[in-house]
Amino acid sequence: MPSRYLFVDFDGVLHSADAHFEVDNIKVSLQELRDAGLFVHLDLLARILAEHQDVGLVVHSSWRLTHTDDELRQLFGALAGRVVGATDRGLDRQQSISEWALRRQLQPLQYRVLDDQPELLKELGDVVIDCDPVQGLATESAQLRLMDWLNSGAQARSLRAMAVDVFVSTAEADGWLNRPHPLLDGQAPIEHAETAAGEQRVIDMLIALNHGGVV
């Protein structure tokens, strides 16, 4: 089961926002869609995710309204096995992402959202990685933000291992890491550790706890 999730839009992310207007029927094979200029960034996404097998894919694109989960998986080609499903089809895009994350008790560090219309997702905050509607995932700033988040996984695993050593119980370690802490301005330690200074602060707290301190 994935420990992190990437919510994926199609139009404006995996291809140009207007590309789907070039085909009369979007419910055709992936190869036919790619021949028409759609899903051109699938290979790029696969390369970016290659070393991060802990990441699952969730579809929040409007394509979820016209395709079943199995049909959506087929559109991901070699990445089909990564697709865990789609967000709620009865909610708008922002609400569907929020509800999906809430049901699984995901912390901000555990997911990111690729979308070309960040103005529609304002309540989601910094988890949204905005893509240029024409360039999609080829947008350099989007790739950099996505890779920064992906690489933070190693940091999170290291902190978790340290916390388990301190608390002995995995459940207690995870609880401490994901619970808002008053000494961290109300942030959870795992969230606070997203910056180098924040990570060091969390490490110092774990060292203090390991030596009998109360933090």
N, C-alpha and C. Protein backbone atom coordinates (compact mmCIF):
# COMPACT_ATOMS: atom_id res chain seq x y z
N MET A 1 0.84 -1.20 0.00
CA MET A 1 0.00 0.00 0.00
C MET A 1 0.88 1.25 0.00
N PRO A 2 0.57 2.24 -0.83
CA PRO A 2 1.38 3.46 -0.88
C PRO A 2 1.37 4.19 0.46
N SER A 3 2.46 4.87 0.75
CA SER A 3 2.52 5.70 1.96
C SER A 3 2.34 7.18 1.60
N ARG A 4 2.44 7.49 0.30
CA ARG A 4 2.22 8.86 -0.18
C ARG A 4 1.39 8.80 -1.46
N TYR A 5 0.73 9.93 -1.76
CA TYR A 5 -0.18 9.95 -2.90
C TYR A 5 0.01 11.20 -3.74
N LEU A 6 -0.08 11.02 -5.05
CA LEU A 6 -0.02 12.13 -5.98
C LEU A 6 -1.36 12.20 -6.71
N PHE A 7 -2.10 13.29 -6.49
CA PHE A 7 -3.37 13.51 -7.17
C PHE A 7 -3.06 14.10 -8.55
N VAL A 8 -3.64 13.50 -9.58
CA VAL A 8 -3.27 13.88 -10.94
C VAL A 8 -4.48 14.37 -11.75
N ASP A 9 -4.32 15.56 -12.33
CA ASP A 9 -5.25 16.07 -13.32
C ASP A 9 -4.74 15.61 -14.68
N PHE A 10 -5.59 15.58 -15.69
CA PHE A 10 -5.16 15.18 -17.03
C PHE A 10 -4.91 16.40 -17.93
N ASP A 11 -6.00 17.12 -18.24
CA ASP A 11 -5.90 18.28 -19.13
C ASP A 11 -5.09 19.39 -18.47
N GLY A 12 -4.00 19.78 -19.11
CA GLY A 12 -3.14 20.81 -18.54
C GLY A 12 -2.03 20.24 -17.68
N VAL A 13 -1.99 18.91 -17.53
CA VAL A 13 -0.93 18.27 -16.75
C VAL A 13 -0.26 17.17 -17.58
N LEU A 14 -1.02 16.17 -17.98
CA LEU A 14 -0.44 15.09 -18.78
C LEU A 14 -0.43 15.42 -20.27
N HIS A 15 -1.11 16.49 -20.62
CA HIS A 15 -1.09 17.03 -21.99
C HIS A 15 -1.61 18.46 -21.93
N SER A 16 -1.55 19.18 -23.02
CA SER A 16 -2.04 20.56 -23.07
C SER A 16 -3.52 20.60 -22.69
N ALA A 17 -3.91 21.69 -22.07
CA ALA A 17 -5.29 21.81 -21.58
C ALA A 17 -6.31 21.69 -22.71
N ASP A 18 -5.93 22.07 -23.91
CA ASP A 18 -6.87 22.04 -25.03
C ASP A 18 -6.75 20.79 -25.90
N ALA A 19 -5.83 19.91 -25.57
CA ALA A 19 -5.54 18.77 -26.44
C ALA A 19 -6.75 17.85 -26.65
N HIS A 20 -7.60 17.73 -25.61
CA HIS A 20 -8.73 16.79 -25.74
C HIS A 20 -9.74 17.24 -26.78
N PHE A 21 -9.69 18.51 -27.18
CA PHE A 21 -10.61 18.99 -28.22
C PHE A 21 -10.23 18.45 -29.60
N GLU A 22 -9.04 17.84 -29.70
CA GLU A 22 -8.57 17.32 -30.98
C GLU A 22 -9.14 15.93 -31.30
N VAL A 23 -9.82 15.32 -30.34
CA VAL A 23 -10.39 13.98 -30.58
C VAL A 23 -11.90 14.02 -30.41
N ASP A 24 -12.59 13.25 -31.22
CA ASP A 24 -14.05 13.21 -31.15
C ASP A 24 -14.54 12.33 -30.01
N ASN A 25 -13.73 11.33 -29.66
CA ASN A 25 -14.13 10.37 -28.65
C ASN A 25 -12.95 10.09 -27.73
N ILE A 26 -13.08 10.49 -26.46
CA ILE A 26 -11.96 10.28 -25.53
C ILE A 26 -11.94 8.87 -24.95
N LYS A 27 -12.97 8.09 -25.21
CA LYS A 27 -13.01 6.72 -24.69
C LYS A 27 -12.50 5.74 -25.75
N VAL A 28 -11.25 5.95 -26.12
CA VAL A 28 -10.58 5.05 -27.06
C VAL A 28 -9.28 4.59 -26.40
N SER A 29 -8.49 3.81 -27.10
CA SER A 29 -7.27 3.26 -26.51
C SER A 29 -6.26 4.36 -26.20
N LEU A 30 -5.36 4.05 -25.27
CA LEU A 30 -4.32 5.00 -24.90
C LEU A 30 -3.47 5.36 -26.12
N GLN A 31 -3.15 4.38 -26.95
CA GLN A 31 -2.31 4.66 -28.11
C GLN A 31 -2.99 5.64 -29.06
N GLU A 32 -4.28 5.48 -29.27
CA GLU A 32 -5.01 6.40 -30.14
C GLU A 32 -5.00 7.81 -29.55
N LEU A 33 -5.15 7.91 -28.23
CA LEU A 33 -5.13 9.21 -27.58
C LEU A 33 -3.75 9.85 -27.69
N ARG A 34 -2.70 9.04 -27.51
CA ARG A 34 -1.34 9.58 -27.59
C ARG A 34 -1.02 10.01 -29.02
N ASP A 35 -1.52 9.27 -29.98
CA ASP A 35 -1.31 9.65 -31.38
C ASP A 35 -1.95 11.00 -31.69
N ALA A 36 -3.00 11.32 -30.93
CA ALA A 36 -3.71 12.59 -31.14
C ALA A 36 -3.13 13.72 -30.29
N GLY A 37 -2.05 13.44 -29.55
CA GLY A 37 -1.40 14.48 -28.76
C GLY A 37 -1.79 14.52 -27.30
N LEU A 38 -2.51 13.49 -26.82
CA LEU A 38 -2.90 13.43 -25.41
C LEU A 38 -1.94 12.50 -24.65
N PHE A 39 -1.85 12.71 -23.37
CA PHE A 39 -1.03 11.87 -22.48
C PHE A 39 0.43 11.83 -22.92
N VAL A 40 0.91 12.93 -23.47
CA VAL A 40 2.28 12.98 -23.97
C VAL A 40 3.32 13.05 -22.84
N HIS A 41 2.86 13.38 -21.62
CA HIS A 41 3.81 13.49 -20.51
C HIS A 41 3.79 12.27 -19.58
N LEU A 42 3.15 11.19 -20.03
CA LEU A 42 3.13 9.98 -19.20
C LEU A 42 4.53 9.44 -18.95
N ASP A 43 5.34 9.40 -20.00
CA ASP A 43 6.70 8.88 -19.85
C ASP A 43 7.52 9.74 -18.90
N LEU A 44 7.31 11.05 -18.96
CA LEU A 44 8.00 11.96 -18.05
C LEU A 44 7.59 11.68 -16.61
N LEU A 45 6.30 11.50 -16.39
CA LEU A 45 5.83 11.19 -15.05
C LEU A 45 6.41 9.88 -14.56
N ALA A 46 6.48 8.89 -15.45
CA ALA A 46 7.05 7.58 -15.07
C ALA A 46 8.51 7.71 -14.67
N ARG A 47 9.26 8.53 -15.40
CA ARG A 47 10.68 8.71 -15.06
C ARG A 47 10.84 9.40 -13.71
N ILE A 48 10.02 10.40 -13.46
CA ILE A 48 10.11 11.14 -12.20
C ILE A 48 9.78 10.24 -11.01
N LEU A 49 8.81 9.33 -11.20
CA LEU A 49 8.36 8.47 -10.10
C LEU A 49 9.17 7.18 -9.96
N ALA A 50 10.05 6.91 -10.91
CA ALA A 50 10.73 5.62 -10.98
C ALA A 50 11.38 5.17 -9.67
N GLU A 51 12.00 6.09 -8.98
CA GLU A 51 12.73 5.73 -7.76
C GLU A 51 11.88 5.92 -6.50
N HIS A 52 10.60 6.14 -6.69
CA HIS A 52 9.74 6.42 -5.53
C HIS A 52 8.53 5.49 -5.58
N GLN A 53 8.78 4.23 -5.26
CA GLN A 53 7.74 3.20 -5.36
C GLN A 53 6.69 3.30 -4.26
N ASP A 54 6.90 4.20 -3.31
CA ASP A 54 5.93 4.36 -2.22
C ASP A 54 4.78 5.29 -2.60
N VAL A 55 4.82 5.85 -3.81
CA VAL A 55 3.83 6.85 -4.22
C VAL A 55 2.74 6.21 -5.08
N GLY A 56 1.47 6.39 -4.66
CA GLY A 56 0.33 5.94 -5.44
C GLY A 56 -0.30 7.11 -6.17
N LEU A 57 -1.05 6.83 -7.23
CA LEU A 57 -1.68 7.89 -8.03
C LEU A 57 -3.19 7.89 -7.82
N VAL A 58 -3.74 9.09 -7.68
CA VAL A 58 -5.19 9.27 -7.51
C VAL A 58 -5.66 10.26 -8.57
N VAL A 59 -6.69 9.92 -9.30
CA VAL A 59 -7.19 10.79 -10.37
C VAL A 59 -8.27 11.73 -9.83
N HIS A 60 -8.04 13.03 -9.99
CA HIS A 60 -9.08 14.01 -9.64
C HIS A 60 -9.55 14.78 -10.87
N SER A 61 -9.03 14.41 -12.02
CA SER A 61 -9.40 15.05 -13.29
C SER A 61 -10.89 14.88 -13.58
N SER A 62 -11.43 15.78 -14.39
CA SER A 62 -12.83 15.66 -14.80
C SER A 62 -13.05 14.39 -15.62
N TRP A 63 -11.97 13.77 -16.09
CA TRP A 63 -12.10 12.50 -16.82
C TRP A 63 -12.68 11.42 -15.92
N ARG A 64 -12.59 11.62 -14.60
CA ARG A 64 -13.18 10.62 -13.70
C ARG A 64 -14.70 10.57 -13.83
N LEU A 65 -15.29 11.62 -14.41
CA LEU A 65 -16.74 11.69 -14.58
C LEU A 65 -17.21 10.91 -15.80
N THR A 66 -16.29 10.60 -16.71
CA THR A 66 -16.65 9.87 -17.93
C THR A 66 -16.04 8.48 -17.99
N HIS A 67 -15.13 8.18 -17.06
CA HIS A 67 -14.43 6.89 -17.06
C HIS A 67 -14.55 6.20 -15.70
N THR A 68 -14.62 4.88 -15.72
CA THR A 68 -14.57 4.10 -14.50
C THR A 68 -13.14 4.06 -14.00
N ASP A 69 -12.93 3.57 -12.78
CA ASP A 69 -11.57 3.47 -12.25
C ASP A 69 -10.70 2.57 -13.13
N ASP A 70 -11.25 1.45 -13.59
CA ASP A 70 -10.47 0.55 -14.44
C ASP A 70 -10.11 1.22 -15.76
N GLU A 71 -11.03 1.99 -16.32
CA GLU A 71 -10.74 2.69 -17.57
C GLU A 71 -9.67 3.76 -17.36
N LEU A 72 -9.70 4.41 -16.21
CA LEU A 72 -8.68 5.41 -15.90
C LEU A 72 -7.30 4.76 -15.77
N ARG A 73 -7.25 3.60 -15.12
CA ARG A 73 -5.98 2.89 -14.97
C ARG A 73 -5.37 2.58 -16.34
N GLN A 74 -6.18 2.14 -17.28
CA GLN A 74 -5.68 1.79 -18.60
C GLN A 74 -5.04 2.98 -19.30
N LEU A 75 -5.48 4.19 -18.95
CA LEU A 75 -4.93 5.39 -19.57
C LEU A 75 -3.53 5.72 -19.07
N PHE A 76 -3.09 5.06 -17.99
CA PHE A 76 -1.77 5.33 -17.42
C PHE A 76 -0.70 4.40 -17.97
N GLY A 77 -1.07 3.46 -18.84
CA GLY A 77 -0.07 2.58 -19.43
C GLY A 77 0.75 1.84 -18.39
N ALA A 78 2.07 2.01 -18.44
CA ALA A 78 2.98 1.31 -17.53
C ALA A 78 2.78 1.72 -16.07
N LEU A 79 2.14 2.86 -15.85
CA LEU A 79 1.90 3.33 -14.48
C LEU A 79 0.56 2.84 -13.92
N ALA A 80 -0.16 2.01 -14.67
CA ALA A 80 -1.49 1.57 -14.26
C ALA A 80 -1.51 0.96 -12.86
N GLY A 81 -0.47 0.21 -12.53
CA GLY A 81 -0.41 -0.43 -11.22
C GLY A 81 -0.30 0.54 -10.06
N ARG A 82 0.05 1.77 -10.35
CA ARG A 82 0.19 2.80 -9.31
C ARG A 82 -1.14 3.46 -8.98
N VAL A 83 -2.12 3.33 -9.88
CA VAL A 83 -3.38 4.05 -9.72
C VAL A 83 -4.26 3.35 -8.70
N VAL A 84 -4.55 4.04 -7.60
CA VAL A 84 -5.37 3.45 -6.54
C VAL A 84 -6.85 3.78 -6.72
N GLY A 85 -7.16 4.72 -7.61
CA GLY A 85 -8.56 5.07 -7.85
C GLY A 85 -8.74 6.54 -8.17
N ALA A 86 -9.97 6.99 -8.03
CA ALA A 86 -10.31 8.39 -8.32
C ALA A 86 -10.99 9.01 -7.11
N THR A 87 -11.01 10.33 -7.07
CA THR A 87 -11.71 11.03 -6.00
C THR A 87 -13.22 10.95 -6.24
N ASP A 88 -13.98 11.32 -5.24
CA ASP A 88 -15.45 11.22 -5.29
C ASP A 88 -16.02 11.95 -6.50
N ARG A 89 -16.80 11.23 -7.29
CA ARG A 89 -17.37 11.81 -8.51
C ARG A 89 -18.56 12.72 -8.22
N GLY A 90 -19.04 12.71 -7.00
CA GLY A 90 -20.18 13.55 -6.65
C GLY A 90 -19.81 14.88 -6.06
N LEU A 91 -18.51 15.16 -5.95
CA LEU A 91 -18.03 16.41 -5.36
C LEU A 91 -17.21 17.18 -6.39
N ASP A 92 -17.07 18.50 -6.17
CA ASP A 92 -16.21 19.25 -7.07
C ASP A 92 -14.76 18.88 -6.81
N ARG A 93 -13.89 19.35 -7.65
CA ARG A 93 -12.49 18.92 -7.62
C ARG A 93 -11.84 19.14 -6.26
N GLN A 94 -11.97 20.36 -5.73
CA GLN A 94 -11.33 20.68 -4.45
C GLN A 94 -11.91 19.84 -3.31
N GLN A 95 -13.22 19.77 -3.23
CA GLN A 95 -13.87 18.99 -2.17
C GLN A 95 -13.52 17.52 -2.27
N SER A 96 -13.46 17.00 -3.49
CA SER A 96 -13.19 15.58 -3.66
C SER A 96 -11.78 15.21 -3.18
N ILE A 97 -10.82 16.10 -3.41
CA ILE A 97 -9.46 15.86 -2.93
C ILE A 97 -9.41 15.93 -1.41
N SER A 98 -10.04 16.97 -0.85
CA SER A 98 -10.05 17.14 0.61
C SER A 98 -10.67 15.95 1.31
N GLU A 99 -11.81 15.48 0.78
CA GLU A 99 -12.49 14.35 1.40
C GLU A 99 -11.67 13.07 1.29
N TRP A 100 -11.04 12.85 0.15
CA TRP A 100 -10.23 11.65 -0.05
C TRP A 100 -9.07 11.63 0.95
N ALA A 101 -8.41 12.76 1.10
CA ALA A 101 -7.28 12.85 2.03
C ALA A 101 -7.74 12.73 3.48
N LEU A 102 -8.90 13.33 3.80
CA LEU A 102 -9.42 13.29 5.16
C LEU A 102 -9.79 11.88 5.57
N ARG A 103 -10.43 11.14 4.66
CA ARG A 103 -10.84 9.76 4.98
C ARG A 103 -9.65 8.89 5.31
N ARG A 104 -8.51 9.20 4.72
CA ARG A 104 -7.31 8.39 4.95
C ARG A 104 -6.37 9.04 5.95
N GLN A 105 -6.83 10.13 6.57
CA GLN A 105 -6.07 10.84 7.60
C GLN A 105 -4.67 11.21 7.11
N LEU A 106 -4.59 11.69 5.88
CA LEU A 106 -3.30 12.07 5.32
C LEU A 106 -2.83 13.41 5.86
N GLN A 107 -1.56 13.48 6.19
CA GLN A 107 -0.94 14.72 6.57
C GLN A 107 -0.43 15.42 5.29
N PRO A 108 -0.24 16.75 5.33
CA PRO A 108 0.19 17.47 4.12
C PRO A 108 1.45 16.90 3.47
N LEU A 109 2.37 16.37 4.27
CA LEU A 109 3.60 15.83 3.70
C LEU A 109 3.35 14.56 2.90
N GLN A 110 2.17 13.95 3.09
CA GLN A 110 1.90 12.67 2.45
C GLN A 110 1.24 12.77 1.08
N TYR A 111 0.94 13.97 0.62
CA TYR A 111 0.32 14.06 -0.70
C TYR A 111 0.60 15.40 -1.38
N ARG A 112 0.52 15.35 -2.70
CA ARG A 112 0.63 16.55 -3.52
C ARG A 112 -0.42 16.46 -4.63
N VAL A 113 -0.76 17.61 -5.20
CA VAL A 113 -1.81 17.70 -6.22
C VAL A 113 -1.25 18.39 -7.46
N LEU A 114 -1.25 17.70 -8.59
CA LEU A 114 -0.82 18.28 -9.85
C LEU A 114 -2.04 18.83 -10.59
N ASP A 115 -2.05 20.13 -10.86
CA ASP A 115 -3.21 20.73 -11.51
C ASP A 115 -2.80 22.01 -12.22
N ASP A 116 -3.53 22.36 -13.29
CA ASP A 116 -3.22 23.59 -14.03
C ASP A 116 -4.15 24.73 -13.66
N GLN A 117 -5.05 24.50 -12.68
CA GLN A 117 -5.97 25.56 -12.25
C GLN A 117 -5.92 25.71 -10.72
N PRO A 118 -4.79 26.17 -10.19
CA PRO A 118 -4.65 26.31 -8.74
C PRO A 118 -5.66 27.26 -8.12
N GLU A 119 -6.20 28.18 -8.93
CA GLU A 119 -7.19 29.12 -8.41
C GLU A 119 -8.46 28.42 -7.95
N LEU A 120 -8.68 27.20 -8.43
CA LEU A 120 -9.86 26.43 -8.03
C LEU A 120 -9.59 25.56 -6.80
N LEU A 121 -8.34 25.58 -6.34
CA LEU A 121 -7.93 24.70 -5.25
C LEU A 121 -7.28 25.48 -4.11
N LYS A 122 -7.69 26.71 -3.92
CA LYS A 122 -7.03 27.60 -2.96
C LYS A 122 -7.04 27.06 -1.54
N GLU A 123 -8.11 26.38 -1.15
CA GLU A 123 -8.22 25.89 0.22
C GLU A 123 -7.23 24.76 0.51
N LEU A 124 -6.65 24.17 -0.52
CA LEU A 124 -5.71 23.07 -0.32
C LEU A 124 -4.31 23.57 0.02
N GLY A 125 -4.04 24.83 -0.24
CA GLY A 125 -2.77 25.42 0.15
C GLY A 125 -1.56 24.91 -0.63
N ASP A 126 -0.45 24.70 0.10
CA ASP A 126 0.83 24.41 -0.53
C ASP A 126 0.95 23.00 -1.10
N VAL A 127 -0.03 22.15 -0.90
CA VAL A 127 0.07 20.80 -1.47
C VAL A 127 -0.16 20.83 -2.98
N VAL A 128 -0.68 21.96 -3.50
CA VAL A 128 -0.97 22.07 -4.93
C VAL A 128 0.29 22.48 -5.69
N ILE A 129 0.63 21.70 -6.71
CA ILE A 129 1.75 22.01 -7.61
C ILE A 129 1.13 22.44 -8.93
N ASP A 130 1.25 23.72 -9.26
CA ASP A 130 0.57 24.21 -10.45
C ASP A 130 1.43 24.06 -11.70
N CYS A 131 0.77 23.62 -12.77
CA CYS A 131 1.40 23.43 -14.07
C CYS A 131 0.88 24.48 -15.05
N ASP A 132 1.73 24.88 -15.96
CA ASP A 132 1.28 25.75 -17.04
C ASP A 132 0.30 24.97 -17.90
N PRO A 133 -0.87 25.54 -18.24
CA PRO A 133 -1.89 24.80 -18.99
C PRO A 133 -1.43 24.27 -20.34
N VAL A 134 -0.45 24.93 -20.94
CA VAL A 134 0.04 24.48 -22.24
C VAL A 134 1.18 23.47 -22.07
N GLN A 135 2.12 23.77 -21.16
CA GLN A 135 3.28 22.90 -20.97
C GLN A 135 2.97 21.68 -20.11
N GLY A 136 1.98 21.79 -19.26
CA GLY A 136 1.65 20.67 -18.38
C GLY A 136 2.81 20.31 -17.47
N LEU A 137 3.04 19.01 -17.32
CA LEU A 137 4.10 18.54 -16.43
C LEU A 137 5.49 18.92 -16.92
N ALA A 138 5.60 19.36 -18.16
CA ALA A 138 6.89 19.82 -18.68
C ALA A 138 7.29 21.16 -18.06
N THR A 139 6.38 21.80 -17.33
CA THR A 139 6.69 23.06 -16.64
C THR A 139 7.83 22.82 -15.65
N GLU A 140 8.93 23.52 -15.81
CA GLU A 140 10.12 23.27 -15.00
C GLU A 140 9.86 23.46 -13.50
N SER A 141 9.16 24.53 -13.15
CA SER A 141 8.91 24.79 -11.72
C SER A 141 8.05 23.68 -11.11
N ALA A 142 7.13 23.11 -11.88
CA ALA A 142 6.30 22.01 -11.37
C ALA A 142 7.15 20.77 -11.14
N GLN A 143 8.05 20.49 -12.07
CA GLN A 143 8.92 19.32 -11.90
C GLN A 143 9.81 19.47 -10.67
N LEU A 144 10.35 20.66 -10.47
CA LEU A 144 11.23 20.89 -9.32
C LEU A 144 10.48 20.71 -8.00
N ARG A 145 9.27 21.27 -7.93
CA ARG A 145 8.49 21.13 -6.70
C ARG A 145 8.09 19.67 -6.46
N LEU A 146 7.75 18.98 -7.52
CA LEU A 146 7.37 17.57 -7.39
C LEU A 146 8.56 16.74 -6.91
N MET A 147 9.72 16.97 -7.49
CA MET A 147 10.90 16.20 -7.11
C MET A 147 11.35 16.53 -5.68
N ASP A 148 11.21 17.79 -5.28
CA ASP A 148 11.53 18.16 -3.89
C ASP A 148 10.67 17.36 -2.92
N TRP A 149 9.38 17.27 -3.24
CA TRP A 149 8.47 16.51 -2.37
C TRP A 149 8.82 15.03 -2.38
N LEU A 150 9.06 14.47 -3.55
CA LEU A 150 9.40 13.05 -3.65
C LEU A 150 10.65 12.73 -2.85
N ASN A 151 11.65 13.58 -2.94
CA ASN A 151 12.91 13.33 -2.23
C ASN A 151 12.78 13.51 -0.73
N SER A 152 11.73 14.22 -0.30
CA SER A 152 11.51 14.39 1.14
C SER A 152 11.09 13.08 1.80
N GLY A 153 10.71 12.09 1.00
CA GLY A 153 10.28 10.80 1.55
C GLY A 153 11.38 10.11 2.33
N ALA A 154 12.62 10.21 1.84
CA ALA A 154 13.75 9.60 2.54
C ALA A 154 13.94 10.25 3.90
N GLN A 155 13.75 11.57 3.93
CA GLN A 155 13.86 12.32 5.19
C GLN A 155 12.79 11.85 6.17
N ALA A 156 11.57 11.69 5.69
CA ALA A 156 10.47 11.26 6.56
C ALA A 156 10.71 9.86 7.11
N ARG A 157 11.23 8.96 6.25
CA ARG A 157 11.51 7.60 6.71
C ARG A 157 12.59 7.59 7.77
N SER A 158 13.60 8.48 7.61
CA SER A 158 14.68 8.57 8.59
C SER A 158 14.15 9.06 9.94
N LEU A 159 13.30 10.08 9.91
CA LEU A 159 12.70 10.60 11.14
C LEU A 159 11.83 9.55 11.81
N ARG A 160 11.09 8.80 11.01
CA ARG A 160 10.21 7.76 11.57
C ARG A 160 11.04 6.69 12.26
N ALA A 161 12.15 6.29 11.64
CA ALA A 161 13.02 5.28 12.26
C ALA A 161 13.57 5.78 13.59
N MET A 162 13.95 7.06 13.62
CA MET A 162 14.47 7.65 14.85
C MET A 162 13.38 7.71 15.92
N ALA A 163 12.16 8.07 15.51
CA ALA A 163 11.05 8.16 16.45
C ALA A 163 10.69 6.78 17.01
N VAL A 164 10.74 5.76 16.18
CA VAL A 164 10.45 4.40 16.64
C VAL A 164 11.49 3.97 17.68
N ASP A 165 12.75 4.34 17.46
CA ASP A 165 13.80 4.02 18.44
C ASP A 165 13.51 4.68 19.78
N VAL A 166 12.98 5.90 19.73
CA VAL A 166 12.70 6.64 20.96
C VAL A 166 11.46 6.10 21.67
N PHE A 167 10.37 5.91 20.91
CA PHE A 167 9.09 5.52 21.52
C PHE A 167 8.91 4.00 21.62
N VAL A 168 9.75 3.24 20.90
CA VAL A 168 9.68 1.78 20.84
C VAL A 168 8.43 1.32 20.08
N SER A 169 7.29 1.85 20.44
CA SER A 169 6.04 1.50 19.76
C SER A 169 5.91 2.28 18.45
N THR A 170 5.67 1.56 17.36
CA THR A 170 5.48 2.21 16.06
C THR A 170 4.27 3.13 16.09
N ALA A 171 3.20 2.67 16.72
CA ALA A 171 1.97 3.47 16.79
C ALA A 171 2.21 4.78 17.54
N GLU A 172 2.95 4.72 18.65
CA GLU A 172 3.24 5.92 19.42
C GLU A 172 4.15 6.87 18.63
N ALA A 173 5.11 6.28 17.90
CA ALA A 173 6.03 7.10 17.09
C ALA A 173 5.26 7.84 16.00
N ASP A 174 4.38 7.11 15.30
CA ASP A 174 3.59 7.73 14.23
C ASP A 174 2.64 8.79 14.80
N GLY A 175 2.09 8.50 15.97
CA GLY A 175 1.19 9.46 16.60
C GLY A 175 1.91 10.75 16.94
N TRP A 176 3.10 10.64 17.49
CA TRP A 176 3.88 11.83 17.84
C TRP A 176 4.27 12.62 16.61
N LEU A 177 4.71 11.93 15.57
CA LEU A 177 5.15 12.60 14.36
C LEU A 177 4.03 13.34 13.64
N ASN A 178 2.81 12.81 13.74
CA ASN A 178 1.70 13.37 12.96
C ASN A 178 0.73 14.21 13.76
N ARG A 179 1.01 14.39 15.05
CA ARG A 179 0.12 15.18 15.91
C ARG A 179 0.66 16.60 16.05
N PRO A 180 -0.20 17.63 15.88
CA PRO A 180 0.25 19.02 16.06
C PRO A 180 0.93 19.20 17.42
N HIS A 181 2.05 19.92 17.42
CA HIS A 181 2.83 20.09 18.65
C HIS A 181 2.92 21.58 19.00
N PRO A 182 2.64 21.94 20.26
CA PRO A 182 2.67 23.36 20.65
C PRO A 182 4.04 24.02 20.52
N LEU A 183 5.11 23.25 20.61
CA LEU A 183 6.45 23.82 20.48
C LEU A 183 6.85 24.03 19.02
N LEU A 184 5.99 23.59 18.11
CA LEU A 184 6.28 23.73 16.68
C LEU A 184 5.22 24.60 16.01
N ASP A 185 4.73 25.58 16.78
CA ASP A 185 3.71 26.50 16.26
C ASP A 185 2.47 25.76 15.78
N GLY A 186 2.16 24.67 16.47
CA GLY A 186 0.95 23.92 16.14
C GLY A 186 1.10 22.97 14.96
N GLN A 187 2.29 22.90 14.38
CA GLN A 187 2.51 21.96 13.28
C GLN A 187 2.84 20.58 13.82
N ALA A 188 2.54 19.57 13.02
CA ALA A 188 2.98 18.21 13.36
C ALA A 188 4.48 18.13 13.08
N PRO A 189 5.25 17.37 13.88
CA PRO A 189 6.70 17.26 13.65
C PRO A 189 7.06 16.88 12.22
N ILE A 190 6.32 15.96 11.60
CA ILE A 190 6.65 15.52 10.25
C ILE A 190 6.44 16.65 9.25
N GLU A 191 5.49 17.52 9.53
CA GLU A 191 5.24 18.67 8.65
C GLU A 191 6.29 19.75 8.90
N HIS A 192 6.62 19.97 10.17
CA HIS A 192 7.61 20.99 10.52
C HIS A 192 8.98 20.66 9.93
N ALA A 193 9.23 19.37 9.74
CA ALA A 193 10.54 18.93 9.25
C ALA A 193 10.72 19.09 7.75
N GLU A 194 9.80 19.75 7.07
CA GLU A 194 9.92 19.93 5.63
C GLU A 194 11.07 20.85 5.26
N THR A 195 11.49 21.71 6.20
CA THR A 195 12.65 22.57 5.96
C THR A 195 13.83 22.01 6.73
N ALA A 196 15.04 22.39 6.32
CA ALA A 196 16.24 21.90 6.99
C ALA A 196 16.27 22.31 8.46
N ALA A 197 15.91 23.58 8.72
CA ALA A 197 15.89 24.07 10.11
C ALA A 197 14.83 23.34 10.91
N GLY A 198 13.67 23.11 10.28
CA GLY A 198 12.60 22.41 10.97
C GLY A 198 12.96 20.98 11.26
N GLU A 199 13.62 20.34 10.33
CA GLU A 199 14.05 18.95 10.54
C GLU A 199 15.00 18.85 11.73
N GLN A 200 15.95 19.80 11.80
CA GLN A 200 16.90 19.77 12.90
C GLN A 200 16.20 19.99 14.24
N ARG A 201 15.19 20.84 14.25
CA ARG A 201 14.42 21.09 15.47
C ARG A 201 13.73 19.82 15.93
N VAL A 202 13.15 19.06 15.00
CA VAL A 202 12.47 17.81 15.34
C VAL A 202 13.48 16.77 15.84
N ILE A 203 14.63 16.70 15.20
CA ILE A 203 15.68 15.78 15.63
C ILE A 203 16.13 16.12 17.05
N ASP A 204 16.30 17.41 17.35
CA ASP A 204 16.70 17.84 18.70
C ASP A 204 15.66 17.42 19.73
N MET A 205 14.37 17.53 19.35
CA MET A 205 13.30 17.14 20.27
C MET A 205 13.34 15.63 20.53
N LEU A 206 13.59 14.84 19.50
CA LEU A 206 13.67 13.39 19.66
C LEU A 206 14.87 13.00 20.53
N ILE A 207 15.98 13.68 20.34
CA ILE A 207 17.17 13.42 21.17
C ILE A 207 16.86 13.73 22.62
N ALA A 208 16.18 14.86 22.86
CA ALA A 208 15.81 15.24 24.23
C ALA A 208 14.89 14.19 24.85
N LEU A 209 13.91 13.73 24.09
CA LEU A 209 13.00 12.69 24.58
C LEU A 209 13.75 11.41 24.91
N ASN A 210 14.71 11.08 24.08
CA ASN A 210 15.47 9.84 24.28
C ASN A 210 16.32 9.90 25.55
N HIS A 211 16.61 11.13 25.99
CA HIS A 211 17.40 11.30 27.20
C HIS A 211 16.54 11.68 28.40
N GLY A 212 15.26 11.40 28.29
CA GLY A 212 14.38 11.62 29.43
C GLY A 212 13.75 12.98 29.51
N GLY A 213 13.95 13.81 28.50
CA GLY A 213 13.37 15.13 28.51
C GLY A 213 11.88 15.08 28.21
N VAL A 214 11.18 16.18 28.45
CA VAL A 214 9.76 16.28 28.16
C VAL A 214 9.56 17.40 27.16
N VAL A 215 9.14 17.07 25.95
CA VAL A 215 8.92 18.09 24.92
C VAL A 215 7.59 17.81 24.21
